[in-house]
Amino acid sequence: PLFALVVAASTVTFLVQIGSGAGEGGQGLGLVARGATALMGYG
């Protein structure tokens, strides 16, 4: 039941972010570049 809550919240968040254009800033970045910046975020 807790995972169901999380899936619902994640779905709504994803749709809202896409609909508002908030995810456009990373367009053009490949998977490797995204992975590299994710690692740098940890650091």
PDB file of all heavy atoms in Angstrom:
ATOM      1  N   PRO A   1       0.815  -1.225   0.000  1.00  0.00           N
ATOM      2  CA  PRO A   1       0.000   0.000   0.000  1.00  0.00           C
ATOM      3  C   PRO A   1       0.850   1.277   0.000  1.00  0.00           C
ATOM      4  O   PRO A   1       0.470   2.270  -0.624  1.00  0.00           O
ATOM      5  CB  PRO A   1      -0.812  -0.120   1.294  1.00  0.00           C
ATOM      6  CG  PRO A   1      -0.885  -1.584   1.560  1.00  0.00           C
ATOM      7  CD  PRO A   1       0.448  -2.125   1.113  1.00  0.00           C
ATOM      8  N   LEU A   2       1.993   1.237   0.667  1.00  0.00           N
ATOM      9  CA  LEU A   2       2.874   2.406   0.676  1.00  0.00           C
ATOM     10  C   LEU A   2       3.512   2.595  -0.694  1.00  0.00           C
ATOM     11  O   LEU A   2       3.643   3.737  -1.180  1.00  0.00           O
ATOM     12  CB  LEU A   2       3.959   2.242   1.750  1.00  0.00           C
ATOM     13  CG  LEU A   2       3.470   1.966   3.173  1.00  0.00           C
ATOM     14  CD1 LEU A   2       4.670   1.864   4.122  1.00  0.00           C
ATOM     15  CD2 LEU A   2       2.508   3.039   3.642  1.00  0.00           C
ATOM     16  N   PHE A   3       3.900   1.492  -1.336  1.00  0.00           N
ATOM     17  CA  PHE A   3       4.445   1.591  -2.689  1.00  0.00           C
ATOM     18  C   PHE A   3       3.386   2.107  -3.666  1.00  0.00           C
ATOM     19  O   PHE A   3       3.711   2.828  -4.617  1.00  0.00           O
ATOM     20  CB  PHE A   3       4.979   0.240  -3.155  1.00  0.00           C
ATOM     21  CG  PHE A   3       6.344  -0.095  -2.618  1.00  0.00           C
ATOM     22  CD1 PHE A   3       6.525  -1.133  -1.716  1.00  0.00           C
ATOM     23  CD2 PHE A   3       7.453   0.629  -3.018  1.00  0.00           C
ATOM     24  CE1 PHE A   3       7.781  -1.438  -1.218  1.00  0.00           C
ATOM     25  CE2 PHE A   3       8.722   0.332  -2.525  1.00  0.00           C
ATOM     26  CZ  PHE A   3       8.882  -0.704  -1.624  1.00  0.00           C
ATOM     27  N   ALA A   4       2.119   1.740  -3.446  1.00  0.00           N
ATOM     28  CA  ALA A   4       1.050   2.251  -4.301  1.00  0.00           C
ATOM     29  C   ALA A   4       0.943   3.770  -4.182  1.00  0.00           C
ATOM     30  O   ALA A   4       0.771   4.478  -5.190  1.00  0.00           O
ATOM     31  CB  ALA A   4      -0.279   1.590  -3.929  1.00  0.00           C
ATOM     32  N   LEU A   5       1.053   4.278  -2.960  1.00  0.00           N
ATOM     33  CA  LEU A   5       1.069   5.729  -2.764  1.00  0.00           C
ATOM     34  C   LEU A   5       2.217   6.382  -3.522  1.00  0.00           C
ATOM     35  O   LEU A   5       2.052   7.414  -4.180  1.00  0.00           O
ATOM     36  CB  LEU A   5       1.208   6.046  -1.269  1.00  0.00           C
ATOM     37  CG  LEU A   5      -0.036   6.127  -0.399  1.00  0.00           C
ATOM     38  CD1 LEU A   5       0.358   6.460   1.032  1.00  0.00           C
ATOM     39  CD2 LEU A   5      -1.023   7.152  -0.924  1.00  0.00           C
ATOM     40  N   VAL A   6       3.375   5.757  -3.418  1.00  0.00           N
ATOM     41  CA  VAL A   6       4.577   6.299  -4.052  1.00  0.00           C
ATOM     42  C   VAL A   6       4.441   6.296  -5.569  1.00  0.00           C
ATOM     43  O   VAL A   6       4.809   7.271  -6.242  1.00  0.00           O
ATOM     44  CB  VAL A   6       5.808   5.487  -3.598  1.00  0.00           C
ATOM     45  CG1 VAL A   6       6.994   5.741  -4.499  1.00  0.00           C
ATOM     46  CG2 VAL A   6       6.146   5.813  -2.147  1.00  0.00           C
ATOM     47  N   VAL A   7       3.924   5.214  -6.133  1.00  0.00           N
ATOM     48  CA  VAL A   7       3.739   5.133  -7.586  1.00  0.00           C
ATOM     49  C   VAL A   7       2.763   6.203  -8.050  1.00  0.00           C
ATOM     50  O   VAL A   7       2.983   6.876  -9.072  1.00  0.00           O
ATOM     51  CB  VAL A   7       3.253   3.730  -7.983  1.00  0.00           C
ATOM     52  CG1 VAL A   7       2.812   3.705  -9.451  1.00  0.00           C
ATOM     53  CG2 VAL A   7       4.352   2.703  -7.763  1.00  0.00           C
ATOM     54  N   ALA A   8       1.676   6.386  -7.311  1.00  0.00           N
ATOM     55  CA  ALA A   8       0.697   7.413  -7.676  1.00  0.00           C
ATOM     56  C   ALA A   8       1.328   8.801  -7.637  1.00  0.00           C
ATOM     57  O   ALA A   8       1.158   9.605  -8.571  1.00  0.00           O
ATOM     58  CB  ALA A   8      -0.503   7.338  -6.737  1.00  0.00           C
ATOM     59  N   ALA A   9       2.076   9.102  -6.569  1.00  0.00           N
ATOM     60  CA  ALA A   9       2.718  10.413  -6.455  1.00  0.00           C
ATOM     61  C   ALA A   9       3.759  10.614  -7.551  1.00  0.00           C
ATOM     62  O   ALA A   9       3.879  11.711  -8.119  1.00  0.00           O
ATOM     63  CB  ALA A   9       3.363  10.559  -5.079  1.00  0.00           C
ATOM     64  N   SER A  10       4.514   9.563  -7.867  1.00  0.00           N
ATOM     65  CA  SER A  10       5.537   9.669  -8.910  1.00  0.00           C
ATOM     66  C   SER A  10       4.904   9.909 -10.271  1.00  0.00           C
ATOM     67  O   SER A  10       5.408  10.712 -11.076  1.00  0.00           O
ATOM     68  CB  SER A  10       6.382   8.390  -8.945  1.00  0.00           C
ATOM     69  OG  SER A  10       7.024   8.167  -7.717  1.00  0.00           O
ATOM     70  N   THR A  11       3.796   9.226 -10.545  1.00  0.00           N
ATOM     71  CA  THR A  11       3.108   9.392 -11.828  1.00  0.00           C
ATOM     72  C   THR A  11       2.581  10.813 -11.980  1.00  0.00           C
ATOM     73  O   THR A  11       2.766  11.459 -13.019  1.00  0.00           O
ATOM     74  CB  THR A  11       1.954   8.386 -11.943  1.00  0.00           C
ATOM     75  OG1 THR A  11       2.466   7.056 -11.819  1.00  0.00           O
ATOM     76  CG2 THR A  11       1.254   8.526 -13.285  1.00  0.00           C
ATOM     77  N   VAL A  12       1.925  11.312 -10.925  1.00  0.00           N
ATOM     78  CA  VAL A  12       1.400  12.672 -10.984  1.00  0.00           C
ATOM     79  C   VAL A  12       2.532  13.680 -11.160  1.00  0.00           C
ATOM     80  O   VAL A  12       2.439  14.605 -11.977  1.00  0.00           O
ATOM     81  CB  VAL A  12       0.600  12.988  -9.702  1.00  0.00           C
ATOM     82  CG1 VAL A  12       0.234  14.466  -9.642  1.00  0.00           C
ATOM     83  CG2 VAL A  12      -0.662  12.136  -9.637  1.00  0.00           C
ATOM     84  N   THR A  13       3.614  13.498 -10.423  1.00  0.00           N
ATOM     85  CA  THR A  13       4.750  14.415 -10.517  1.00  0.00           C
ATOM     86  C   THR A  13       5.349  14.407 -11.917  1.00  0.00           C
ATOM     87  O   THR A  13       5.654  15.467 -12.486  1.00  0.00           O
ATOM     88  CB  THR A  13       5.828  14.036  -9.492  1.00  0.00           C
ATOM     89  OG1 THR A  13       5.271  14.106  -8.183  1.00  0.00           O
ATOM     90  CG2 THR A  13       7.017  14.983  -9.581  1.00  0.00           C
ATOM     91  N   PHE A  14       5.518  13.213 -12.484  1.00  0.00           N
ATOM     92  CA  PHE A  14       6.081  13.105 -13.834  1.00  0.00           C
ATOM     93  C   PHE A  14       5.196  13.824 -14.852  1.00  0.00           C
ATOM     94  O   PHE A  14       5.691  14.593 -15.691  1.00  0.00           O
ATOM     95  CB  PHE A  14       6.236  11.630 -14.202  1.00  0.00           C
ATOM     96  CG  PHE A  14       6.737  11.401 -15.599  1.00  0.00           C
ATOM     97  CD1 PHE A  14       8.081  11.555 -15.899  1.00  0.00           C
ATOM     98  CD2 PHE A  14       5.862  11.045 -16.612  1.00  0.00           C
ATOM     99  CE1 PHE A  14       8.554  11.345 -17.194  1.00  0.00           C
ATOM    100  CE2 PHE A  14       6.312  10.837 -17.903  1.00  0.00           C
ATOM    101  CZ  PHE A  14       7.657  10.989 -18.201  1.00  0.00           C
ATOM    102  N   LEU A  15       3.887  13.601 -14.767  1.00  0.00           N
ATOM    103  CA  LEU A  15       2.970  14.224 -15.726  1.00  0.00           C
ATOM    104  C   LEU A  15       2.963  15.736 -15.571  1.00  0.00           C
ATOM    105  O   LEU A  15       2.940  16.482 -16.552  1.00  0.00           O
ATOM    106  CB  LEU A  15       1.563  13.658 -15.537  1.00  0.00           C
ATOM    107  CG  LEU A  15       1.390  12.175 -15.880  1.00  0.00           C
ATOM    108  CD1 LEU A  15      -0.028  11.707 -15.542  1.00  0.00           C
ATOM    109  CD2 LEU A  15       1.694  11.919 -17.359  1.00  0.00           C
ATOM    110  N   VAL A  16       2.999  16.208 -14.325  1.00  0.00           N
ATOM    111  CA  VAL A  16       2.997  17.646 -14.074  1.00  0.00           C
ATOM    112  C   VAL A  16       4.279  18.287 -14.583  1.00  0.00           C
ATOM    113  O   VAL A  16       4.257  19.350 -15.221  1.00  0.00           O
ATOM    114  CB  VAL A  16       2.803  17.927 -12.568  1.00  0.00           C
ATOM    115  CG1 VAL A  16       3.088  19.393 -12.246  1.00  0.00           C
ATOM    116  CG2 VAL A  16       1.395  17.547 -12.135  1.00  0.00           C
ATOM    117  N   GLN A  17       5.408  17.648 -14.316  1.00  0.00           N
ATOM    118  CA  GLN A  17       6.690  18.201 -14.762  1.00  0.00           C
ATOM    119  C   GLN A  17       6.776  18.254 -16.289  1.00  0.00           C
ATOM    120  O   GLN A  17       7.225  19.250 -16.858  1.00  0.00           O
ATOM    121  CB  GLN A  17       7.833  17.356 -14.212  1.00  0.00           C
ATOM    122  CG  GLN A  17       7.970  17.376 -12.698  1.00  0.00           C
ATOM    123  CD  GLN A  17       8.834  18.535 -12.203  1.00  0.00           C
ATOM    124  OE1 GLN A  17       9.926  18.749 -12.685  1.00  0.00           O
ATOM    125  NE2 GLN A  17       8.307  19.270 -11.237  1.00  0.00           N
ATOM    126  N   ILE A  18       6.323  17.184 -16.934  1.00  0.00           N
ATOM    127  CA  ILE A  18       6.342  17.166 -18.408  1.00  0.00           C
ATOM    128  C   ILE A  18       5.377  18.208 -18.965  1.00  0.00           C
ATOM    129  O   ILE A  18       5.689  18.950 -19.898  1.00  0.00           O
ATOM    130  CB  ILE A  18       5.989  15.762 -18.935  1.00  0.00           C
ATOM    131  CG1 ILE A  18       7.080  14.761 -18.532  1.00  0.00           C
ATOM    132  CG2 ILE A  18       5.811  15.782 -20.451  1.00  0.00           C
ATOM    133  CD1 ILE A  18       8.450  15.070 -19.096  1.00  0.00           C
ATOM    134  N   GLY A  19       4.180  18.273 -18.375  1.00  0.00           N
ATOM    135  CA  GLY A  19       3.179  19.214 -18.871  1.00  0.00           C
ATOM    136  C   GLY A  19       3.574  20.667 -18.704  1.00  0.00           C
ATOM    137  O   GLY A  19       3.173  21.523 -19.485  1.00  0.00           O
ATOM    138  N   SER A  20       4.367  20.951 -17.691  1.00  0.00           N
ATOM    139  CA  SER A  20       4.775  22.333 -17.441  1.00  0.00           C
ATOM    140  C   SER A  20       6.070  22.707 -18.158  1.00  0.00           C
ATOM    141  O   SER A  20       6.491  23.859 -18.108  1.00  0.00           O
ATOM    142  CB  SER A  20       4.964  22.549 -15.943  1.00  0.00           C
ATOM    143  OG  SER A  20       6.033  21.756 -15.461  1.00  0.00           O
ATOM    144  N   GLY A  21       6.709  21.728 -18.795  1.00  0.00           N
ATOM    145  CA  GLY A  21       7.970  21.999 -19.478  1.00  0.00           C
ATOM    146  C   GLY A  21       9.169  22.041 -18.574  1.00  0.00           C
ATOM    147  O   GLY A  21      10.262  22.454 -18.989  1.00  0.00           O
ATOM    148  N   ALA A  22       9.007  21.592 -17.317  1.00  0.00           N
ATOM    149  CA  ALA A  22      10.117  21.667 -16.367  1.00  0.00           C
ATOM    150  C   ALA A  22      11.241  20.708 -16.716  1.00  0.00           C
ATOM    151  O   ALA A  22      12.369  20.881 -16.266  1.00  0.00           O
ATOM    152  CB  ALA A  22       9.620  21.367 -14.954  1.00  0.00           C
ATOM    153  N   GLY A  23      10.954  19.675 -17.497  1.00  0.00           N
ATOM    154  CA  GLY A  23      11.990  18.710 -17.843  1.00  0.00           C
ATOM    155  C   GLY A  23      12.740  19.019 -19.119  1.00  0.00           C
ATOM    156  O   GLY A  23      13.573  18.229 -19.570  1.00  0.00           O
ATOM    157  N   GLU A  24      12.479  20.199 -19.717  1.00  0.00           N
ATOM    158  CA  GLU A  24      13.099  20.510 -21.000  1.00  0.00           C
ATOM    159  C   GLU A  24      14.544  20.953 -20.876  1.00  0.00           C
ATOM    160  O   GLU A  24      15.280  20.963 -21.860  1.00  0.00           O
ATOM    161  CB  GLU A  24      12.287  21.603 -21.705  1.00  0.00           C
ATOM    162  CG  GLU A  24      10.875  21.148 -22.074  1.00  0.00           C
ATOM    163  CD  GLU A  24      10.075  22.271 -22.696  1.00  0.00           C
ATOM    164  OE1 GLU A  24      10.634  23.395 -22.788  1.00  0.00           O
ATOM    165  OE2 GLU A  24       8.914  22.046 -23.078  1.00  0.00           O
ATOM    166  N   GLY A  25      14.979  21.319 -19.660  1.00  0.00           N
ATOM    167  CA  GLY A  25      16.334  21.846 -19.503  1.00  0.00           C
ATOM    168  C   GLY A  25      17.410  20.841 -19.844  1.00  0.00           C
ATOM    169  O   GLY A  25      18.519  21.209 -20.217  1.00  0.00           O
ATOM    170  N   GLY A  26      17.112  19.547 -19.713  1.00  0.00           N
ATOM    171  CA  GLY A  26      18.116  18.533 -19.981  1.00  0.00           C
ATOM    172  C   GLY A  26      18.018  17.912 -21.353  1.00  0.00           C
ATOM    173  O   GLY A  26      18.678  16.906 -21.635  1.00  0.00           O
ATOM    174  N   GLN A  27      17.195  18.494 -22.230  1.00  0.00           N
ATOM    175  CA  GLN A  27      17.072  17.938 -23.573  1.00  0.00           C
ATOM    176  C   GLN A  27      18.401  18.035 -24.317  1.00  0.00           C
ATOM    177  O   GLN A  27      19.132  19.012 -24.200  1.00  0.00           O
ATOM    178  CB  GLN A  27      15.984  18.682 -24.354  1.00  0.00           C
ATOM    179  CG  GLN A  27      14.582  18.328 -23.897  1.00  0.00           C
ATOM    180  CD  GLN A  27      13.527  18.990 -24.762  1.00  0.00           C
ATOM    181  OE1 GLN A  27      13.833  19.820 -25.613  1.00  0.00           O
ATOM    182  NE2 GLN A  27      12.276  18.620 -24.543  1.00  0.00           N
ATOM    183  N   GLY A  28      18.705  16.995 -25.046  1.00  0.00           N
ATOM    184  CA  GLY A  28      19.955  16.962 -25.784  1.00  0.00           C
ATOM    185  C   GLY A  28      21.078  16.282 -25.045  1.00  0.00           C
ATOM    186  O   GLY A  28      22.141  16.047 -25.621  1.00  0.00           O
ATOM    187  N   LEU A  29      20.864  15.974 -23.768  1.00  0.00           N
ATOM    188  CA  LEU A  29      21.878  15.265 -23.002  1.00  0.00           C
ATOM    189  C   LEU A  29      21.654  13.765 -23.136  1.00  0.00           C
ATOM    190  O   LEU A  29      20.557  13.269 -22.905  1.00  0.00           O
ATOM    191  CB  LEU A  29      21.809  15.663 -21.519  1.00  0.00           C
ATOM    192  CG  LEU A  29      22.107  17.123 -21.188  1.00  0.00           C
ATOM    193  CD1 LEU A  29      21.944  17.359 -19.687  1.00  0.00           C
ATOM    194  CD2 LEU A  29      23.507  17.503 -21.626  1.00  0.00           C
ATOM    195  N   GLY A  30      22.690  13.049 -23.500  1.00  0.00           N
ATOM    196  CA  GLY A  30      22.591  11.604 -23.653  1.00  0.00           C
ATOM    197  C   GLY A  30      22.590  10.889 -22.323  1.00  0.00           C
ATOM    198  O   GLY A  30      22.792  11.489 -21.258  1.00  0.00           O
ATOM    199  N   LEU A  31      22.407   9.585 -22.393  1.00  0.00           N
ATOM    200  CA  LEU A  31      22.335   8.787 -21.172  1.00  0.00           C
ATOM    201  C   LEU A  31      23.652   8.830 -20.400  1.00  0.00           C
ATOM    202  O   LEU A  31      23.662   8.884 -19.165  1.00  0.00           O
ATOM    203  CB  LEU A  31      21.981   7.334 -21.535  1.00  0.00           C
ATOM    204  CG  LEU A  31      21.796   6.379 -20.355  1.00  0.00           C
ATOM    205  CD1 LEU A  31      20.653   6.843 -19.467  1.00  0.00           C
ATOM    206  CD2 LEU A  31      21.540   4.953 -20.855  1.00  0.00           C
ATOM    207  N   VAL A  32      24.772   8.810 -21.103  1.00  0.00           N
ATOM    208  CA  VAL A  32      26.074   8.828 -20.441  1.00  0.00           C
ATOM    209  C   VAL A  32      26.272  10.152 -19.705  1.00  0.00           C
ATOM    210  O   VAL A  32      26.736  10.185 -18.552  1.00  0.00           O
ATOM    211  CB  VAL A  32      27.209   8.595 -21.457  1.00  0.00           C
ATOM    212  CG1 VAL A  32      28.569   8.727 -20.775  1.00  0.00           C
ATOM    213  CG2 VAL A  32      27.072   7.220 -22.102  1.00  0.00           C
ATOM    214  N   ALA A  33      25.910  11.277 -20.364  1.00  0.00           N
ATOM    215  CA  ALA A  33      26.048  12.587 -19.729  1.00  0.00           C
ATOM    216  C   ALA A  33      25.151  12.685 -18.500  1.00  0.00           C
ATOM    217  O   ALA A  33      25.549  13.237 -17.463  1.00  0.00           O
ATOM    218  CB  ALA A  33      25.713  13.694 -20.719  1.00  0.00           C
ATOM    219  N   ARG A  34      23.939  12.137 -18.592  1.00  0.00           N
ATOM    220  CA  ARG A  34      23.032  12.167 -17.436  1.00  0.00           C
ATOM    221  C   ARG A  34      23.596  11.326 -16.300  1.00  0.00           C
ATOM    222  O   ARG A  34      23.516  11.698 -15.130  1.00  0.00           O
ATOM    223  CB  ARG A  34      21.652  11.665 -17.849  1.00  0.00           C
ATOM    224  CG  ARG A  34      20.917  12.591 -18.805  1.00  0.00           C
ATOM    225  CD  ARG A  34      19.642  11.932 -19.341  1.00  0.00           C
ATOM    226  NE  ARG A  34      18.994  12.769 -20.318  1.00  0.00           N
ATOM    227  CZ  ARG A  34      18.023  13.651 -20.041  1.00  0.00           C
ATOM    228  NH1 ARG A  34      17.632  13.800 -18.782  1.00  0.00           N
ATOM    229  NH2 ARG A  34      17.472  14.375 -20.991  1.00  0.00           N
ATOM    230  N   GLY A  35      24.147  10.166 -16.637  1.00  0.00           N
ATOM    231  CA  GLY A  35      24.741   9.320 -15.611  1.00  0.00           C
ATOM    232  C   GLY A  35      25.926   9.979 -14.938  1.00  0.00           C
ATOM    233  O   GLY A  35      26.102   9.889 -13.718  1.00  0.00           O
ATOM    234  N   ALA A  36      26.756  10.674 -15.750  1.00  0.00           N
ATOM    235  CA  ALA A  36      27.922  11.359 -15.194  1.00  0.00           C
ATOM    236  C   ALA A  36      27.514  12.461 -14.229  1.00  0.00           C
ATOM    237  O   ALA A  36      28.091  12.613 -13.146  1.00  0.00           O
ATOM    238  CB  ALA A  36      28.771  11.934 -16.325  1.00  0.00           C
ATOM    239  N   THR A  37      26.475  13.233 -14.609  1.00  0.00           N
ATOM    240  CA  THR A  37      26.048  14.313 -13.723  1.00  0.00           C
ATOM    241  C   THR A  37      25.353  13.759 -12.473  1.00  0.00           C
ATOM    242  O   THR A  37      25.417  14.378 -11.400  1.00  0.00           O
ATOM    243  CB  THR A  37      25.104  15.279 -14.453  1.00  0.00           C
ATOM    244  OG1 THR A  37      24.037  14.535 -15.054  1.00  0.00           O
ATOM    245  CG2 THR A  37      25.855  16.030 -15.534  1.00  0.00           C
ATOM    246  N   ALA A  38      24.694  12.609 -12.589  1.00  0.00           N
ATOM    247  CA  ALA A  38      24.101  11.987 -11.397  1.00  0.00           C
ATOM    248  C   ALA A  38      25.196  11.590 -10.411  1.00  0.00           C
ATOM    249  O   ALA A  38      25.079  11.809  -9.201  1.00  0.00           O
ATOM    250  CB  ALA A  38      23.277  10.772 -11.794  1.00  0.00           C
ATOM    251  N   LEU A  39      26.277  11.011 -10.919  1.00  0.00           N
ATOM    252  CA  LEU A  39      27.406  10.662 -10.057  1.00  0.00           C
ATOM    253  C   LEU A  39      27.996  11.904  -9.409  1.00  0.00           C
ATOM    254  O   LEU A  39      28.327  11.904  -8.217  1.00  0.00           O
ATOM    255  CB  LEU A  39      28.479   9.943 -10.876  1.00  0.00           C
ATOM    256  CG  LEU A  39      28.190   8.491 -11.253  1.00  0.00           C
ATOM    257  CD1 LEU A  39      29.235   7.978 -12.240  1.00  0.00           C
ATOM    258  CD2 LEU A  39      28.179   7.609 -10.002  1.00  0.00           C
ATOM    259  N   MET A  40      28.130  12.977 -10.186  1.00  0.00           N
ATOM    260  CA  MET A  40      28.665  14.210  -9.631  1.00  0.00           C
ATOM    261  C   MET A  40      27.743  14.778  -8.557  1.00  0.00           C
ATOM    262  O   MET A  40      28.187  15.428  -7.611  1.00  0.00           O
ATOM    263  CB  MET A  40      28.904  15.230 -10.745  1.00  0.00           C
ATOM    264  CG  MET A  40      30.028  14.824 -11.693  1.00  0.00           C
ATOM    265  SD  MET A  40      30.195  15.929 -13.105  1.00  0.00           S
ATOM    266  CE  MET A  40      30.699  17.443 -12.288  1.00  0.00           C
ATOM    267  N   GLY A  41      26.443  14.513  -8.681  1.00  0.00           N
ATOM    268  CA  GLY A  41      25.509  14.939  -7.655  1.00  0.00           C
ATOM    269  C   GLY A  41      25.780  14.245  -6.332  1.00  0.00           C
ATOM    270  O   GLY A  41      25.748  14.871  -5.265  1.00  0.00           O
ATOM    271  N   TYR A  42      26.067  12.927  -6.390  1.00  0.00           N
ATOM    272  CA  TYR A  42      26.447  12.207  -5.176  1.00  0.00           C
ATOM    273  C   TYR A  42      27.672  12.851  -4.533  1.00  0.00           C
ATOM    274  O   TYR A  42      27.710  13.098  -3.323  1.00  0.00           O
ATOM    275  CB  TYR A  42      26.765  10.747  -5.512  1.00  0.00           C
ATOM    276  CG  TYR A  42      25.562   9.848  -5.628  1.00  0.00           C
ATOM    277  CD1 TYR A  42      25.085   9.459  -6.872  1.00  0.00           C
ATOM    278  CD2 TYR A  42      24.920   9.370  -4.492  1.00  0.00           C
ATOM    279  CE1 TYR A  42      23.992   8.624  -6.994  1.00  0.00           C
ATOM    280  CE2 TYR A  42      23.825   8.537  -4.593  1.00  0.00           C
ATOM    281  CZ  TYR A  42      23.364   8.162  -5.852  1.00  0.00           C
ATOM    282  OH  TYR A  42      22.283   7.339  -5.957  1.00  0.00           O
ATOM    283  N   GLY A  43      28.670  13.099  -5.359  1.00  0.00           N
ATOM    284  CA  GLY A  43      29.896  13.696  -4.839  1.00  0.00           C
ATOM    285  C   GLY A  43      29.664  15.077  -4.273  1.00  0.00           C
ATOM    286  O   GLY A  43      30.239  15.443  -3.235  1.00  0.00           O
TER     287      GLY A  43
END
